[in-house]
Amino acid sequence: MTLSSTNVQEKPGSDIEPLRAKWGWIVALGATFVFVGFVALGSVVMATVASVLMVGVMMIVAGVAEVIHAFQIKTWGKFLLWAVLGVLYILAGFATFENPLFAAALLTLVLGGTLIASGIMRLVLAFSMTRERSWLWVAISGLITLLLGLIIIARWPTNSVYILGMLLGIDLILAGTGWIGLGLALHRRGPTPIQPRTE
């Protein structure tokens, strides 16, 4: 065995080894995500408000970044465009803090419309690739997405007080489950045995 081939074989183990040493922290992070996800599902209205406020914070940060970027542009027209866009983002962000339930209604409407558009596009894509074996799965995925969007739109705006919080809770639970699975898998595999080098 040459020195170069040994180094190549040890690379994957050396990359994963720091994660294996922290498998307990990874599992704890996943458990925290799952716990917070169930808390969000237990109080979907508060979770909806929290998710809207997070969107508001991100819009304010994006607006400030665009305004800063505007001052780095030398042409007047582009400067004005970037500055106006940044100010609009900032105002929209602060508006979510003023009336988070109204912002939740708008975001839910946008979410429903996006799901409908995405479902239609997937269905069109699926029926344009009927010769492929995977076209049926693409069609089923598009149909489910389309139906989900139609359900959201059909019950709008009454569902806007809970739909975002419910999606946030489900996302946190799925993410937490993934982190727990990763941590336990790293723990089960154990440390990588060190292979002796031969010159």
Protein backbone atom coordinates (compact mmCIF):
# COMPACT_ATOMS: atom_id res chain seq x y z
CA MET A 1 0.00 0.00 0.00
CA THR A 2 1.46 3.35 -1.02
CA LEU A 3 1.44 6.49 1.06
CA SER A 4 -0.88 8.35 -1.34
CA SER A 5 -3.53 5.63 -1.31
CA THR A 6 -3.49 5.51 2.50
CA ASN A 7 -4.06 9.25 2.71
CA VAL A 8 -7.04 9.02 0.38
CA GLN A 9 -8.62 6.27 2.47
CA GLU A 10 -8.15 8.20 5.72
CA LYS A 11 -9.66 11.40 4.41
CA PRO A 12 -13.35 10.46 4.84
CA GLY A 13 -12.75 9.19 8.38
CA SER A 14 -10.86 12.31 9.38
CA ASP A 15 -13.66 14.53 8.05
CA ILE A 16 -16.38 12.69 10.00
CA GLU A 17 -14.41 12.14 13.19
CA PRO A 18 -15.14 15.60 14.72
CA LEU A 19 -18.88 14.98 14.19
CA ARG A 20 -18.66 11.56 15.83
CA ALA A 21 -17.10 13.13 18.91
CA LYS A 22 -20.08 15.52 19.18
CA TRP A 23 -22.86 13.03 18.43
CA GLY A 24 -24.51 13.77 21.79
CA TRP A 25 -24.76 17.48 21.00
CA ILE A 26 -26.26 16.66 17.59
CA VAL A 27 -28.91 14.46 19.21
CA ALA A 28 -29.60 17.17 21.81
CA LEU A 29 -30.01 19.75 19.03
CA GLY A 30 -32.44 17.46 17.23
CA ALA A 31 -34.41 16.83 20.43
CA THR A 32 -34.64 20.59 20.99
CA PHE A 33 -35.96 21.09 17.46
CA VAL A 34 -38.55 18.35 17.96
CA PHE A 35 -39.63 19.80 21.32
CA VAL A 36 -39.98 23.32 19.91
CA GLY A 37 -41.85 21.88 16.91
CA PHE A 38 -44.42 20.21 19.16
CA VAL A 39 -44.73 23.42 21.19
CA ALA A 40 -45.40 25.27 17.92
CA LEU A 41 -48.07 22.73 16.95
CA GLY A 42 -49.61 23.11 20.39
CA SER A 43 -49.94 26.87 19.89
CA VAL A 44 -50.15 27.41 16.16
CA VAL A 45 -51.37 31.01 16.44
CA MET A 46 -48.33 32.06 18.44
CA ALA A 47 -46.11 30.05 16.09
CA THR A 48 -47.69 31.85 13.13
CA VAL A 49 -46.97 35.21 14.73
CA ALA A 50 -43.39 34.11 15.45
CA SER A 51 -42.85 32.98 11.86
CA VAL A 52 -44.26 36.26 10.53
CA LEU A 53 -41.97 38.23 12.84
CA MET A 54 -39.00 36.20 11.58
CA VAL A 55 -39.97 37.10 8.02
CA GLY A 56 -40.20 40.75 9.10
CA VAL A 57 -36.71 40.66 10.58
CA MET A 58 -35.31 39.08 7.41
CA MET A 59 -37.01 41.75 5.27
CA ILE A 60 -35.53 44.53 7.40
CA VAL A 61 -32.05 43.00 7.18
CA ALA A 62 -32.42 42.57 3.41
CA GLY A 63 -33.63 46.17 3.06
CA VAL A 64 -30.70 47.56 5.04
CA ALA A 65 -28.32 45.49 2.90
CA GLU A 66 -29.88 46.87 -0.30
CA VAL A 67 -29.65 50.47 0.96
CA ILE A 68 -25.98 49.94 1.83
CA HIS A 69 -25.45 48.43 -1.61
CA ALA A 70 -27.17 51.44 -3.20
CA PHE A 71 -24.53 53.82 -1.80
CA GLN A 72 -21.84 51.76 -3.54
CA ILE A 73 -23.41 52.33 -6.97
CA LYS A 74 -22.13 55.35 -8.83
CA THR A 75 -24.92 55.83 -11.39
CA TRP A 76 -27.87 57.87 -10.10
CA GLY A 77 -30.62 55.76 -11.67
CA LYS A 78 -29.41 52.44 -10.25
CA PHE A 79 -28.69 54.06 -6.90
CA LEU A 80 -32.27 55.35 -6.69
CA LEU A 81 -33.71 51.96 -7.71
CA TRP A 82 -31.73 50.01 -5.10
CA ALA A 83 -32.40 52.60 -2.41
CA VAL A 84 -36.17 52.60 -3.05
CA LEU A 85 -36.27 48.80 -3.03
CA GLY A 86 -34.32 48.72 0.22
CA VAL A 87 -36.62 51.27 1.87
CA LEU A 88 -39.70 49.32 0.71
CA TYR A 89 -38.27 46.13 2.21
CA ILE A 90 -37.60 47.92 5.49
CA LEU A 91 -41.10 49.42 5.59
CA ALA A 92 -42.66 46.04 4.80
CA GLY A 93 -40.59 44.46 7.57
CA PHE A 94 -41.77 47.01 10.12
CA ALA A 95 -45.35 46.60 8.85
CA THR A 96 -45.24 42.94 9.86
CA PHE A 97 -44.45 44.04 13.42
CA GLU A 98 -47.36 46.51 13.37
CA ASN A 99 -49.94 43.95 12.22
CA PRO A 100 -48.55 40.38 12.20
CA LEU A 101 -51.96 38.75 11.62
CA PHE A 102 -52.57 40.81 8.47
CA ALA A 103 -49.05 39.94 7.31
CA ALA A 104 -49.80 36.28 8.04
CA ALA A 105 -52.89 36.50 5.83
CA LEU A 106 -50.84 37.94 2.96
CA LEU A 107 -48.07 35.36 3.39
CA THR A 108 -50.62 32.53 3.50
CA LEU A 109 -52.18 33.83 0.27
CA VAL A 110 -48.75 33.99 -1.38
CA LEU A 111 -47.98 30.49 -0.10
CA GLY A 112 -51.21 29.06 -1.53
CA GLY A 113 -50.65 30.74 -4.89
CA THR A 114 -47.06 29.52 -5.03
CA LEU A 115 -48.10 25.94 -4.29
CA ILE A 116 -50.76 26.07 -7.00
CA ALA A 117 -48.28 27.44 -9.56
CA SER A 118 -45.66 24.88 -8.54
CA GLY A 119 -48.17 22.01 -8.77
CA ILE A 120 -49.32 23.04 -12.24
CA MET A 121 -45.71 23.33 -13.45
CA ARG A 122 -44.89 19.86 -12.09
CA LEU A 123 -47.95 18.36 -13.79
CA VAL A 124 -47.01 19.98 -17.10
CA LEU A 125 -43.46 18.69 -16.69
CA ALA A 126 -44.69 15.20 -15.83
CA PHE A 127 -46.95 14.91 -18.89
CA SER A 128 -44.16 16.18 -21.10
CA MET A 129 -41.88 13.31 -20.00
CA THR A 130 -44.30 10.35 -20.10
CA ARG A 131 -41.61 8.20 -21.74
CA GLU A 132 -39.55 8.40 -18.56
CA ARG A 133 -40.24 5.95 -15.74
CA SER A 134 -40.35 8.65 -13.06
CA TRP A 135 -43.07 10.74 -14.75
CA LEU A 136 -45.82 9.24 -12.57
CA TRP A 137 -44.05 10.21 -9.34
CA VAL A 138 -43.57 13.75 -10.65
CA ALA A 139 -47.27 13.87 -11.55
CA ILE A 140 -48.34 12.62 -8.11
CA SER A 141 -46.04 15.17 -6.45
CA GLY A 142 -47.49 17.95 -8.60
CA LEU A 143 -51.06 16.86 -7.90
CA ILE A 144 -50.49 16.81 -4.12
CA THR A 145 -48.84 20.24 -4.25
CA LEU A 146 -51.69 21.63 -6.37
CA LEU A 147 -54.36 20.22 -4.03
CA LEU A 148 -52.55 21.60 -0.98
CA GLY A 149 -52.43 25.04 -2.56
CA LEU A 150 -56.13 24.87 -3.50
CA ILE A 151 -57.05 23.85 0.07
CA ILE A 152 -55.08 26.78 1.48
CA ILE A 153 -56.71 29.24 -0.94
CA ALA A 154 -60.19 27.78 -0.39
CA ARG A 155 -59.98 28.33 3.38
CA TRP A 156 -58.23 31.69 3.19
CA PRO A 157 -58.20 34.00 5.16
CA THR A 158 -59.57 32.04 8.14
CA ASN A 159 -56.68 29.57 7.97
CA SER A 160 -54.04 32.30 7.95
CA VAL A 161 -53.96 32.39 11.76
CA TYR A 162 -52.66 28.83 11.99
CA ILE A 163 -51.31 27.53 8.65
CA LEU A 164 -47.87 29.16 8.89
CA GLY A 165 -47.44 28.07 12.50
CA MET A 166 -48.45 24.53 11.61
CA LEU A 167 -45.94 24.40 8.76
CA LEU A 168 -43.25 25.83 11.05
CA GLY A 169 -43.95 23.16 13.67
CA ILE A 170 -43.87 20.33 11.12
CA ASP A 171 -40.63 21.67 9.63
CA LEU A 172 -38.98 21.86 13.06
CA ILE A 173 -40.05 18.29 13.91
CA LEU A 174 -38.75 16.94 10.60
CA ALA A 175 -35.46 18.82 10.96
CA GLY A 176 -35.07 17.64 14.55
CA THR A 177 -35.78 14.04 13.58
CA GLY A 178 -33.10 14.28 10.91
CA TRP A 179 -30.53 15.63 13.38
CA ILE A 180 -31.38 12.89 15.90
CA GLY A 181 -31.02 10.22 13.22
CA LEU A 182 -27.66 11.65 12.16
CA GLY A 183 -26.35 11.77 15.73
CA LEU A 184 -27.43 8.21 16.53
CA ALA A 185 -25.99 6.91 13.26
CA LEU A 186 -22.64 8.54 14.06
CA HIS A 187 -22.71 7.00 17.55
CA ARG A 188 -23.54 3.50 16.25
CA ARG A 189 -20.71 3.54 13.73
CA GLY A 190 -18.17 4.29 16.44
CA PRO A 191 -14.68 5.70 15.92
CA THR A 192 -12.85 4.99 12.68
CA PRO A 193 -10.00 2.53 13.21
CA ILE A 194 -6.62 4.04 12.44
CA GLN A 195 -4.92 2.11 9.67
CA PRO A 196 -1.14 1.74 9.96
CA ARG A 197 0.89 3.43 7.30
CA THR A 198 3.34 1.48 5.26
CA GLU A 199 6.18 3.19 3.51
